[in-house]
N, C-alpha and C. Protein backbone atom coordinates (compact mmCIF):
# COMPACT_ATOMS: atom_id res chain seq x y z
N THR A 1 0.83 -1.19 0.00
CA THR A 1 0.00 0.00 0.00
C THR A 1 0.88 1.25 0.00
N GLN A 2 0.25 2.36 -0.36
CA GLN A 2 0.97 3.64 -0.39
C GLN A 2 1.47 4.00 1.01
N GLN A 3 0.60 3.82 2.01
CA GLN A 3 0.98 4.15 3.39
C GLN A 3 2.15 3.29 3.85
N GLY A 4 2.14 2.03 3.49
CA GLY A 4 3.23 1.13 3.87
C GLY A 4 4.55 1.57 3.26
N LYS A 5 4.52 2.02 2.00
CA LYS A 5 5.74 2.50 1.33
C LYS A 5 6.25 3.78 1.99
N GLN A 6 5.31 4.65 2.35
CA GLN A 6 5.71 5.88 3.02
C GLN A 6 6.33 5.59 4.38
N ASP A 7 5.73 4.67 5.11
CA ASP A 7 6.28 4.30 6.42
C ASP A 7 7.68 3.70 6.27
N GLU A 8 7.87 2.87 5.25
CA GLU A 8 9.20 2.28 5.00
C GLU A 8 10.21 3.37 4.66
N ALA A 9 9.80 4.32 3.83
CA ALA A 9 10.71 5.41 3.46
C ALA A 9 11.07 6.25 4.68
N MET A 10 10.08 6.55 5.52
CA MET A 10 10.36 7.34 6.74
C MET A 10 11.33 6.58 7.64
N ALA A 11 11.11 5.29 7.79
CA ALA A 11 12.01 4.49 8.62
C ALA A 11 13.42 4.49 8.05
N ALA A 12 13.54 4.43 6.74
CA ALA A 12 14.86 4.43 6.10
C ALA A 12 15.56 5.77 6.31
N PHE A 13 14.81 6.87 6.18
CA PHE A 13 15.42 8.19 6.40
C PHE A 13 15.82 8.38 7.86
N ARG A 14 14.99 7.90 8.77
CA ARG A 14 15.35 7.99 10.20
C ARG A 14 16.61 7.18 10.49
N GLN A 15 16.72 6.02 9.87
CA GLN A 15 17.91 5.18 10.05
C GLN A 15 19.14 5.89 9.47
N ALA A 16 18.98 6.53 8.32
CA ALA A 16 20.09 7.25 7.70
C ALA A 16 20.57 8.39 8.60
N ILE A 17 19.62 9.08 9.22
CA ILE A 17 19.97 10.17 10.13
C ILE A 17 20.68 9.63 11.36
N LYS A 18 20.19 8.51 11.86
CA LYS A 18 20.83 7.89 13.03
C LYS A 18 22.26 7.48 12.68
N PHE A 19 22.45 6.94 11.49
CA PHE A 19 23.77 6.50 11.03
C PHE A 19 24.69 7.69 10.79
N ASP A 20 24.16 8.76 10.19
CA ASP A 20 24.94 9.95 9.89
C ASP A 20 24.12 11.19 10.21
N PRO A 21 24.25 11.74 11.42
CA PRO A 21 23.45 12.90 11.80
C PRO A 21 23.78 14.17 11.02
N HIS A 22 24.73 14.09 10.10
CA HIS A 22 25.08 15.25 9.27
C HIS A 22 24.65 15.06 7.83
N ASP A 23 23.70 14.16 7.59
CA ASP A 23 23.17 13.90 6.25
C ASP A 23 21.97 14.81 6.02
N GLY A 24 22.24 15.98 5.50
CA GLY A 24 21.18 16.97 5.28
C GLY A 24 20.09 16.48 4.36
N ARG A 25 20.46 15.70 3.35
CA ARG A 25 19.47 15.19 2.40
C ARG A 25 18.45 14.29 3.12
N ALA A 26 18.91 13.47 4.05
CA ALA A 26 18.00 12.58 4.77
C ALA A 26 17.01 13.38 5.61
N TYR A 27 17.49 14.43 6.29
CA TYR A 27 16.59 15.28 7.06
C TYR A 27 15.55 15.92 6.14
N ALA A 28 16.01 16.48 5.03
CA ALA A 28 15.10 17.18 4.12
C ALA A 28 14.06 16.23 3.54
N GLN A 29 14.48 15.06 3.13
CA GLN A 29 13.54 14.09 2.55
C GLN A 29 12.53 13.60 3.59
N LEU A 30 13.00 13.33 4.79
CA LEU A 30 12.09 12.90 5.85
C LEU A 30 11.10 14.01 6.17
N ALA A 31 11.58 15.23 6.28
CA ALA A 31 10.70 16.36 6.60
C ALA A 31 9.64 16.54 5.51
N LEU A 32 10.04 16.44 4.25
CA LEU A 32 9.09 16.57 3.15
C LEU A 32 8.04 15.46 3.19
N LEU A 33 8.50 14.26 3.42
CA LEU A 33 7.59 13.13 3.48
C LEU A 33 6.59 13.29 4.62
N LEU A 34 7.07 13.73 5.76
CA LEU A 34 6.17 13.97 6.90
C LEU A 34 5.16 15.07 6.58
N ALA A 35 5.63 16.15 5.96
CA ALA A 35 4.73 17.25 5.60
C ALA A 35 3.67 16.77 4.61
N ASN A 36 4.10 15.98 3.65
CA ASN A 36 3.16 15.50 2.62
C ASN A 36 2.16 14.49 3.15
N THR A 37 2.42 13.94 4.33
CA THR A 37 1.47 13.00 4.93
C THR A 37 0.68 13.66 6.07
N GLY A 38 0.74 14.99 6.13
CA GLY A 38 -0.07 15.73 7.10
C GLY A 38 0.52 15.81 8.49
N ARG A 39 1.78 15.48 8.63
CA ARG A 39 2.41 15.49 9.96
C ARG A 39 3.32 16.72 10.07
N ALA A 40 2.68 17.88 10.04
CA ALA A 40 3.40 19.15 9.98
C ALA A 40 4.30 19.38 11.19
N ASP A 41 3.83 19.05 12.39
CA ASP A 41 4.64 19.28 13.58
C ASP A 41 5.91 18.43 13.57
N GLU A 42 5.75 17.17 13.18
CA GLU A 42 6.93 16.30 13.08
C GLU A 42 7.88 16.79 12.01
N SER A 43 7.30 17.22 10.90
CA SER A 43 8.12 17.74 9.80
C SER A 43 8.95 18.93 10.27
N PHE A 44 8.30 19.84 10.99
CA PHE A 44 9.01 21.01 11.50
C PHE A 44 10.15 20.60 12.42
N SER A 45 9.88 19.65 13.30
CA SER A 45 10.92 19.19 14.23
C SER A 45 12.12 18.61 13.49
N VAL A 46 11.85 17.86 12.43
CA VAL A 46 12.94 17.28 11.64
C VAL A 46 13.74 18.40 10.95
N TYR A 47 13.03 19.37 10.36
CA TYR A 47 13.74 20.50 9.73
C TYR A 47 14.60 21.23 10.76
N ARG A 48 14.01 21.49 11.95
CA ARG A 48 14.74 22.22 13.00
C ARG A 48 15.99 21.45 13.42
N ASP A 49 15.82 20.15 13.67
CA ASP A 49 16.97 19.34 14.08
C ASP A 49 18.03 19.29 12.97
N GLY A 50 17.57 19.15 11.74
CA GLY A 50 18.50 19.11 10.62
C GLY A 50 19.25 20.42 10.46
N ALA A 51 18.53 21.53 10.60
CA ALA A 51 19.18 22.84 10.47
C ALA A 51 20.23 23.06 11.55
N ARG A 52 19.98 22.51 12.73
CA ARG A 52 20.96 22.62 13.82
C ARG A 52 22.17 21.71 13.58
N ASN A 53 21.91 20.49 13.08
CA ASN A 53 22.99 19.52 12.89
C ASN A 53 23.78 19.72 11.61
N VAL A 54 23.15 20.31 10.61
CA VAL A 54 23.80 20.49 9.31
C VAL A 54 23.57 21.94 8.86
N PRO A 55 24.13 22.91 9.59
CA PRO A 55 23.81 24.32 9.31
C PRO A 55 24.30 24.82 7.95
N ARG A 56 25.22 24.10 7.34
CA ARG A 56 25.76 24.57 6.05
C ARG A 56 25.09 23.92 4.84
N ASP A 57 23.99 23.24 5.06
CA ASP A 57 23.24 22.63 3.96
C ASP A 57 22.18 23.62 3.50
N GLY A 58 22.43 24.26 2.38
CA GLY A 58 21.54 25.30 1.87
C GLY A 58 20.14 24.80 1.56
N ASP A 59 20.02 23.60 1.00
CA ASP A 59 18.70 23.06 0.69
C ASP A 59 17.90 22.83 1.97
N LEU A 60 18.56 22.30 2.97
CA LEU A 60 17.90 22.05 4.24
C LEU A 60 17.49 23.36 4.90
N GLN A 61 18.36 24.36 4.87
CA GLN A 61 18.03 25.67 5.43
C GLN A 61 16.84 26.30 4.71
N GLU A 62 16.78 26.11 3.40
CA GLU A 62 15.66 26.65 2.64
C GLU A 62 14.35 25.98 3.06
N GLY A 63 14.37 24.67 3.21
CA GLY A 63 13.18 23.96 3.67
C GLY A 63 12.77 24.39 5.07
N TYR A 64 13.76 24.57 5.93
CA TYR A 64 13.50 25.02 7.30
C TYR A 64 12.88 26.42 7.27
N ALA A 65 13.40 27.28 6.41
CA ALA A 65 12.85 28.64 6.29
C ALA A 65 11.38 28.58 5.89
N TYR A 66 11.06 27.73 4.93
CA TYR A 66 9.68 27.58 4.49
C TYR A 66 8.80 27.10 5.65
N ALA A 67 9.30 26.14 6.41
CA ALA A 67 8.55 25.63 7.57
C ALA A 67 8.34 26.73 8.60
N LEU A 68 9.34 27.57 8.81
CA LEU A 68 9.22 28.68 9.75
C LEU A 68 8.18 29.69 9.26
N MET A 69 8.15 29.95 7.96
CA MET A 69 7.14 30.85 7.41
C MET A 69 5.75 30.29 7.68
N PHE A 70 5.59 29.00 7.48
CA PHE A 70 4.31 28.33 7.71
C PHE A 70 3.87 28.50 9.16
N ARG A 71 4.84 28.51 10.07
CA ARG A 71 4.55 28.67 11.51
C ARG A 71 4.50 30.13 11.93
N LYS A 72 4.66 31.03 10.98
CA LYS A 72 4.62 32.48 11.20
C LYS A 72 5.76 32.99 12.08
N ASP A 73 6.89 32.31 12.00
CA ASP A 73 8.11 32.78 12.67
C ASP A 73 8.94 33.47 11.59
N TYR A 74 8.57 34.72 11.31
CA TYR A 74 9.16 35.42 10.18
C TYR A 74 10.62 35.82 10.41
N ARG A 75 10.97 36.17 11.64
CA ARG A 75 12.37 36.48 11.93
C ARG A 75 13.25 35.24 11.74
N GLY A 76 12.79 34.12 12.27
CA GLY A 76 13.52 32.88 12.10
C GLY A 76 13.63 32.49 10.63
N ALA A 77 12.54 32.69 9.89
CA ALA A 77 12.54 32.36 8.46
C ALA A 77 13.55 33.24 7.71
N ALA A 78 13.57 34.52 8.03
CA ALA A 78 14.52 35.41 7.35
C ALA A 78 15.96 34.94 7.59
N GLU A 79 16.24 34.54 8.82
CA GLU A 79 17.60 34.06 9.13
C GLU A 79 17.89 32.75 8.40
N ALA A 80 16.92 31.85 8.34
CA ALA A 80 17.14 30.59 7.63
C ALA A 80 17.31 30.82 6.13
N TYR A 81 16.54 31.75 5.57
CA TYR A 81 16.73 32.08 4.15
C TYR A 81 18.12 32.69 3.92
N ARG A 82 18.57 33.51 4.86
CA ARG A 82 19.91 34.09 4.74
C ARG A 82 20.96 32.99 4.74
N GLN A 83 20.79 32.02 5.64
CA GLN A 83 21.72 30.88 5.70
C GLN A 83 21.66 30.07 4.41
N ALA A 84 20.46 29.87 3.90
CA ALA A 84 20.32 29.11 2.65
C ALA A 84 21.06 29.81 1.51
N ALA A 85 20.91 31.12 1.42
CA ALA A 85 21.60 31.87 0.37
C ALA A 85 23.11 31.81 0.55
N LEU A 86 23.55 31.84 1.78
CA LEU A 86 24.97 31.80 2.07
C LEU A 86 25.60 30.48 1.60
N TYR A 87 24.89 29.37 1.84
CA TYR A 87 25.48 28.07 1.54
C TYR A 87 25.00 27.44 0.24
N LYS A 88 23.88 27.89 -0.28
CA LYS A 88 23.36 27.34 -1.53
C LYS A 88 23.56 28.29 -2.69
N GLY A 89 23.64 29.57 -2.35
CA GLY A 89 23.69 30.59 -3.38
C GLY A 89 22.34 31.27 -3.47
N SER A 90 22.36 32.45 -3.99
CA SER A 90 21.13 33.23 -4.10
C SER A 90 20.31 32.72 -5.29
N THR A 91 19.11 32.27 -5.01
CA THR A 91 18.20 31.81 -6.07
C THR A 91 16.94 32.67 -6.02
N PRO A 92 16.18 32.70 -7.09
CA PRO A 92 14.93 33.48 -7.05
C PRO A 92 13.99 33.04 -5.93
N THR A 93 13.91 31.75 -5.67
CA THR A 93 13.02 31.25 -4.61
C THR A 93 13.50 31.71 -3.24
N ILE A 94 14.80 31.61 -3.00
CA ILE A 94 15.35 32.06 -1.72
C ILE A 94 15.18 33.56 -1.57
N ASN A 95 15.48 34.31 -2.61
CA ASN A 95 15.33 35.77 -2.55
C ASN A 95 13.89 36.18 -2.27
N GLN A 96 12.96 35.53 -2.95
CA GLN A 96 11.55 35.85 -2.75
C GLN A 96 11.12 35.51 -1.33
N GLY A 97 11.53 34.34 -0.84
CA GLY A 97 11.18 33.96 0.53
C GLY A 97 11.76 34.92 1.54
N PHE A 98 13.02 35.30 1.34
CA PHE A 98 13.69 36.23 2.25
C PHE A 98 12.97 37.57 2.27
N GLN A 99 12.64 38.08 1.08
CA GLN A 99 11.94 39.38 1.01
C GLN A 99 10.56 39.30 1.67
N SER A 100 9.86 38.19 1.45
CA SER A 100 8.55 38.02 2.09
C SER A 100 8.68 37.99 3.61
N ALA A 101 9.66 37.27 4.10
CA ALA A 101 9.87 37.19 5.55
C ALA A 101 10.16 38.58 6.12
N LEU A 102 11.01 39.34 5.44
CA LEU A 102 11.33 40.69 5.91
C LEU A 102 10.11 41.60 5.91
N LYS A 103 9.26 41.45 4.89
CA LYS A 103 8.04 42.27 4.84
C LYS A 103 7.12 41.94 6.02
N PHE A 104 7.00 40.66 6.33
CA PHE A 104 6.17 40.27 7.47
C PHE A 104 6.75 40.77 8.78
N VAL A 105 8.07 40.75 8.91
CA VAL A 105 8.72 41.27 10.12
C VAL A 105 8.41 42.76 10.25
N ALA A 106 8.55 43.50 9.16
CA ALA A 106 8.26 44.94 9.19
C ALA A 106 6.80 45.19 9.53
N TYR A 107 5.90 44.39 8.98
CA TYR A 107 4.47 44.52 9.25
C TYR A 107 4.18 44.26 10.73
N GLU A 108 4.79 43.21 11.29
CA GLU A 108 4.58 42.90 12.71
C GLU A 108 5.09 44.04 13.59
N GLU A 109 6.24 44.62 13.22
CA GLU A 109 6.79 45.74 13.99
C GLU A 109 5.87 46.94 13.92
N GLN A 110 5.30 47.20 12.74
CA GLN A 110 4.38 48.32 12.58
C GLN A 110 3.13 48.10 13.43
N LEU A 111 2.60 46.90 13.42
CA LEU A 111 1.43 46.59 14.24
C LEU A 111 1.72 46.76 15.73
N ALA A 112 2.91 46.33 16.16
CA ALA A 112 3.28 46.46 17.57
C ALA A 112 3.37 47.93 17.97
N LYS A 113 3.91 48.77 17.10
CA LYS A 113 3.99 50.20 17.39
C LYS A 113 2.61 50.83 17.47
N GLN A 114 1.74 50.44 16.54
CA GLN A 114 0.38 50.98 16.56
C GLN A 114 -0.36 50.55 17.81
N LYS A 115 -0.18 49.31 18.21
CA LYS A 115 -0.83 48.80 19.41
C LYS A 115 -0.33 49.56 20.65
N ALA A 116 0.99 49.77 20.72
CA ALA A 116 1.57 50.49 21.86
C ALA A 116 1.04 51.93 21.90
N ALA A 117 0.95 52.56 20.75
CA ALA A 117 0.45 53.94 20.71
C ALA A 117 -1.02 53.99 21.14
N LEU A 118 -1.81 53.04 20.71
CA LEU A 118 -3.22 52.99 21.09
C LEU A 118 -3.37 52.75 22.58
N GLU A 119 -2.57 51.85 23.14
CA GLU A 119 -2.63 51.58 24.57
C GLU A 119 -2.21 52.81 25.38
N ALA A 120 -1.19 53.51 24.90
CA ALA A 120 -0.74 54.72 25.59
C ALA A 120 -1.84 55.78 25.55
N LYS A 121 -2.51 55.89 24.44
CA LYS A 121 -3.60 56.86 24.29
C LYS A 121 -4.76 56.51 25.24
N GLN A 122 -5.06 55.23 25.35
CA GLN A 122 -6.15 54.80 26.24
C GLN A 122 -5.79 55.05 27.70
N LYS A 123 -4.55 54.82 28.08
CA LYS A 123 -4.11 55.08 29.47
C LYS A 123 -4.21 56.57 29.77
N LYS A 124 -3.85 57.39 28.79
CA LYS A 124 -3.90 58.83 28.98
C LYS A 124 -5.33 59.29 29.19
N LYS A 125 -6.27 58.70 28.44
CA LYS A 125 -7.68 59.05 28.59
C LYS A 125 -8.20 58.62 29.97
N GLN A 126 -7.73 57.47 30.46
CA GLN A 126 -8.20 56.97 31.75
C GLN A 126 -7.73 57.86 32.89
N LYS A 127 -6.60 58.51 32.74
CA LYS A 127 -6.07 59.38 33.79
C LYS A 127 -6.86 60.66 33.90
N LYS A 128 -7.55 61.04 32.85
CA LYS A 128 -8.29 62.33 32.87
C LYS A 128 -9.56 62.23 33.63
């Protein structure tokens, strides 16, 4: 069955990682397989562990950046895209992801400033 083949592939990638914890390709393939089977949290954990164990693997960093974007960790995603570009080279996909992450970071900062200004205004009104 399809599920049986996927389970076998996941077991093989896990074994490869256990055998060589610096095999970026095994982390990336396992993470993709987990994501494609609806196991997003596990996929993220594999990307995170892979990015920590194989920080110079540009493909792995790019996948990790995408996973961070999905989790709305835009600062982390921007850093992972930067790492991907450093070790993989600048590609249109990496550049676009990096720019998107930076835009979201700027947007979050703008929202935080607006919220702080609104709260300050409300406190000022309460004192009157």
